Amino acid sequence: MDCTCSRLRVGSELTEVRNWNPDCAEHGVGTEWYTSPEQVAKRQAQNDRLRELQTEARRRREEARK
């Protein structure tokens, strides 16, 4: 299979990250990689962190209005 995910370089580091393509034959939704326990756990952790940040932002906005 050929990966169609975009490769990105962030900052001056030579670290390469990927912009995951949901239609990628190797990494897309429904693939073995996508449904692996490791990737499911990573996505859940990212979702949990996002929810925490949203809750914190909401709380700070409410405090700023007082």
N, C-alpha and C. Protein backbone atom coordinates (compact mmCIF):
# COMPACT_ATOMS: atom_id res chain seq x y z
N MET A 1 0.84 -1.19 0.00
CA MET A 1 0.00 0.00 0.00
C MET A 1 0.88 1.24 0.00
N ASP A 2 0.38 2.28 -0.60
CA ASP A 2 1.09 3.55 -0.63
C ASP A 2 0.39 4.55 0.28
N CYS A 3 1.20 5.19 1.11
CA CYS A 3 0.69 6.21 2.02
C CYS A 3 0.47 7.50 1.24
N THR A 4 -0.70 8.12 1.43
CA THR A 4 -1.00 9.40 0.79
C THR A 4 -1.11 10.53 1.80
N CYS A 5 -0.64 10.29 3.03
CA CYS A 5 -0.66 11.33 4.07
C CYS A 5 0.44 12.35 3.79
N SER A 6 0.13 13.62 4.04
CA SER A 6 1.11 14.69 3.83
C SER A 6 2.18 14.62 4.91
N ARG A 7 3.41 14.83 4.51
CA ARG A 7 4.52 14.89 5.46
C ARG A 7 4.86 16.35 5.71
N LEU A 8 4.95 16.72 6.98
CA LEU A 8 5.20 18.10 7.37
C LEU A 8 6.44 18.18 8.25
N ARG A 9 7.18 19.25 8.13
CA ARG A 9 8.30 19.53 9.02
C ARG A 9 7.92 20.77 9.82
N VAL A 10 8.07 20.64 11.13
CA VAL A 10 7.66 21.72 12.02
C VAL A 10 8.89 22.34 12.65
N GLY A 11 9.01 23.66 12.55
CA GLY A 11 10.13 24.36 13.16
C GLY A 11 11.44 24.05 12.48
N SER A 12 12.52 24.34 13.19
CA SER A 12 13.85 24.12 12.62
C SER A 12 14.33 22.69 12.84
N GLU A 13 13.61 21.93 13.62
CA GLU A 13 13.98 20.54 13.87
C GLU A 13 13.74 19.71 12.62
N LEU A 14 14.44 18.63 12.52
CA LEU A 14 14.26 17.73 11.38
C LEU A 14 13.16 16.71 11.64
N THR A 15 12.36 16.96 12.67
CA THR A 15 11.27 16.06 13.01
C THR A 15 10.18 16.16 11.95
N GLU A 16 9.80 15.04 11.45
CA GLU A 16 8.76 14.99 10.43
C GLU A 16 7.49 14.43 11.05
N VAL A 17 6.39 15.12 10.83
CA VAL A 17 5.09 14.64 11.29
C VAL A 17 4.20 14.46 10.07
N ARG A 18 3.09 13.81 10.27
CA ARG A 18 2.18 13.57 9.15
C ARG A 18 0.83 14.20 9.42
N ASN A 19 0.25 14.69 8.36
CA ASN A 19 -1.11 15.16 8.39
C ASN A 19 -1.95 13.97 7.89
N TRP A 20 -2.53 13.22 8.82
CA TRP A 20 -3.21 11.97 8.49
C TRP A 20 -4.36 12.21 7.54
N ASN A 21 -4.36 11.48 6.45
CA ASN A 21 -5.40 11.57 5.42
C ASN A 21 -6.42 10.46 5.70
N PRO A 22 -7.68 10.82 5.96
CA PRO A 22 -8.68 9.79 6.28
C PRO A 22 -8.94 8.82 5.12
N ASP A 23 -8.52 9.18 3.92
CA ASP A 23 -8.72 8.31 2.76
C ASP A 23 -7.47 7.51 2.39
N CYS A 24 -6.41 7.64 3.16
CA CYS A 24 -5.15 6.93 2.88
C CYS A 24 -5.38 5.42 2.99
N ALA A 25 -4.87 4.69 2.02
CA ALA A 25 -5.05 3.24 2.01
C ALA A 25 -4.29 2.57 3.16
N GLU A 26 -3.25 3.20 3.66
CA GLU A 26 -2.44 2.62 4.73
C GLU A 26 -2.86 3.10 6.12
N HIS A 27 -3.27 4.39 6.23
CA HIS A 27 -3.55 4.98 7.54
C HIS A 27 -4.98 5.50 7.69
N GLY A 28 -5.80 5.36 6.69
CA GLY A 28 -7.14 5.96 6.71
C GLY A 28 -8.12 5.28 7.66
N VAL A 29 -9.26 5.89 7.77
CA VAL A 29 -10.33 5.39 8.64
C VAL A 29 -10.68 3.96 8.23
N GLY A 30 -10.74 3.08 9.23
CA GLY A 30 -11.11 1.69 8.98
C GLY A 30 -9.93 0.77 8.69
N THR A 31 -8.73 1.32 8.55
CA THR A 31 -7.57 0.46 8.29
C THR A 31 -7.10 -0.22 9.57
N GLU A 32 -6.27 -1.22 9.40
CA GLU A 32 -5.72 -1.93 10.56
C GLU A 32 -4.95 -0.97 11.46
N TRP A 33 -4.17 -0.07 10.86
CA TRP A 33 -3.41 0.91 11.63
C TRP A 33 -4.35 1.81 12.42
N TYR A 34 -5.38 2.33 11.77
CA TYR A 34 -6.31 3.27 12.39
C TYR A 34 -7.06 2.64 13.57
N THR A 35 -7.41 1.38 13.43
CA THR A 35 -8.19 0.71 14.48
C THR A 35 -7.33 0.00 15.51
N SER A 36 -6.00 0.11 15.40
CA SER A 36 -5.12 -0.54 16.37
C SER A 36 -5.34 0.08 17.75
N PRO A 37 -5.19 -0.72 18.82
CA PRO A 37 -5.39 -0.19 20.17
C PRO A 37 -4.51 1.03 20.48
N GLU A 38 -3.30 1.04 19.96
CA GLU A 38 -2.40 2.17 20.21
C GLU A 38 -2.94 3.46 19.61
N GLN A 39 -3.41 3.40 18.37
CA GLN A 39 -3.93 4.60 17.71
C GLN A 39 -5.26 5.03 18.32
N VAL A 40 -6.09 4.08 18.70
CA VAL A 40 -7.36 4.41 19.35
C VAL A 40 -7.08 5.14 20.67
N ALA A 41 -6.11 4.65 21.44
CA ALA A 41 -5.75 5.28 22.71
C ALA A 41 -5.19 6.68 22.49
N LYS A 42 -4.36 6.85 21.46
CA LYS A 42 -3.82 8.19 21.16
C LYS A 42 -4.92 9.17 20.82
N ARG A 43 -5.86 8.74 19.98
CA ARG A 43 -6.95 9.64 19.61
C ARG A 43 -7.83 9.96 20.81
N GLN A 44 -8.06 8.99 21.68
CA GLN A 44 -8.87 9.23 22.88
C GLN A 44 -8.17 10.22 23.80
N ALA A 45 -6.85 10.09 23.97
CA ALA A 45 -6.10 11.02 24.80
C ALA A 45 -6.17 12.44 24.23
N GLN A 46 -6.06 12.56 22.91
CA GLN A 46 -6.16 13.88 22.27
C GLN A 46 -7.55 14.47 22.47
N ASN A 47 -8.58 13.65 22.34
CA ASN A 47 -9.95 14.12 22.54
C ASN A 47 -10.16 14.56 23.98
N ASP A 48 -9.64 13.78 24.93
CA ASP A 48 -9.78 14.13 26.34
C ASP A 48 -9.10 15.46 26.63
N ARG A 49 -7.90 15.65 26.10
CA ARG A 49 -7.16 16.90 26.31
C ARG A 49 -7.91 18.07 25.70
N LEU A 50 -8.47 17.90 24.52
CA LEU A 50 -9.24 18.95 23.88
C LEU A 50 -10.44 19.35 24.75
N ARG A 51 -11.13 18.36 25.28
CA ARG A 51 -12.29 18.65 26.15
C ARG A 51 -11.85 19.42 27.39
N GLU A 52 -10.70 19.05 27.97
CA GLU A 52 -10.18 19.76 29.15
C GLU A 52 -9.89 21.22 28.80
N LEU A 53 -9.27 21.45 27.65
CA LEU A 53 -8.95 22.82 27.24
C LEU A 53 -10.22 23.62 26.99
N GLN A 54 -11.23 23.00 26.38
CA GLN A 54 -12.50 23.69 26.15
C GLN A 54 -13.18 24.06 27.45
N THR A 55 -13.16 23.15 28.41
CA THR A 55 -13.77 23.41 29.72
C THR A 55 -13.04 24.54 30.43
N GLU A 56 -11.72 24.52 30.38
CA GLU A 56 -10.92 25.57 31.01
C GLU A 56 -11.17 26.92 30.34
N ALA A 57 -11.24 26.96 29.03
CA ALA A 57 -11.51 28.20 28.32
C ALA A 57 -12.89 28.75 28.69
N ARG A 58 -13.87 27.88 28.77
CA ARG A 58 -15.22 28.30 29.14
C ARG A 58 -15.22 28.90 30.55
N ARG A 59 -14.53 28.23 31.47
CA ARG A 59 -14.47 28.69 32.86
C ARG A 59 -13.80 30.07 32.92
N ARG A 60 -12.71 30.25 32.19
CA ARG A 60 -12.01 31.53 32.21
C ARG A 60 -12.83 32.66 31.57
N ARG A 61 -13.57 32.34 30.53
CA ARG A 61 -14.43 33.35 29.93
C ARG A 61 -15.51 33.80 30.93
N GLU A 62 -16.09 32.84 31.63
CA GLU A 62 -17.12 33.16 32.62
C GLU A 62 -16.54 34.01 33.73
N GLU A 63 -15.33 33.70 34.18
CA GLU A 63 -14.68 34.48 35.24
C GLU A 63 -14.39 35.90 34.75
N ALA A 64 -13.99 36.03 33.50
CA ALA A 64 -13.65 37.35 32.96
C ALA A 64 -14.89 38.25 32.87
N ARG A 65 -16.05 37.67 32.71
CA ARG A 65 -17.29 38.44 32.61
C ARG A 65 -17.73 38.99 33.96
N LYS A 66 -17.24 38.42 35.03
CA LYS A 66 -17.68 38.85 36.38
C LYS A 66 -16.95 40.08 36.84
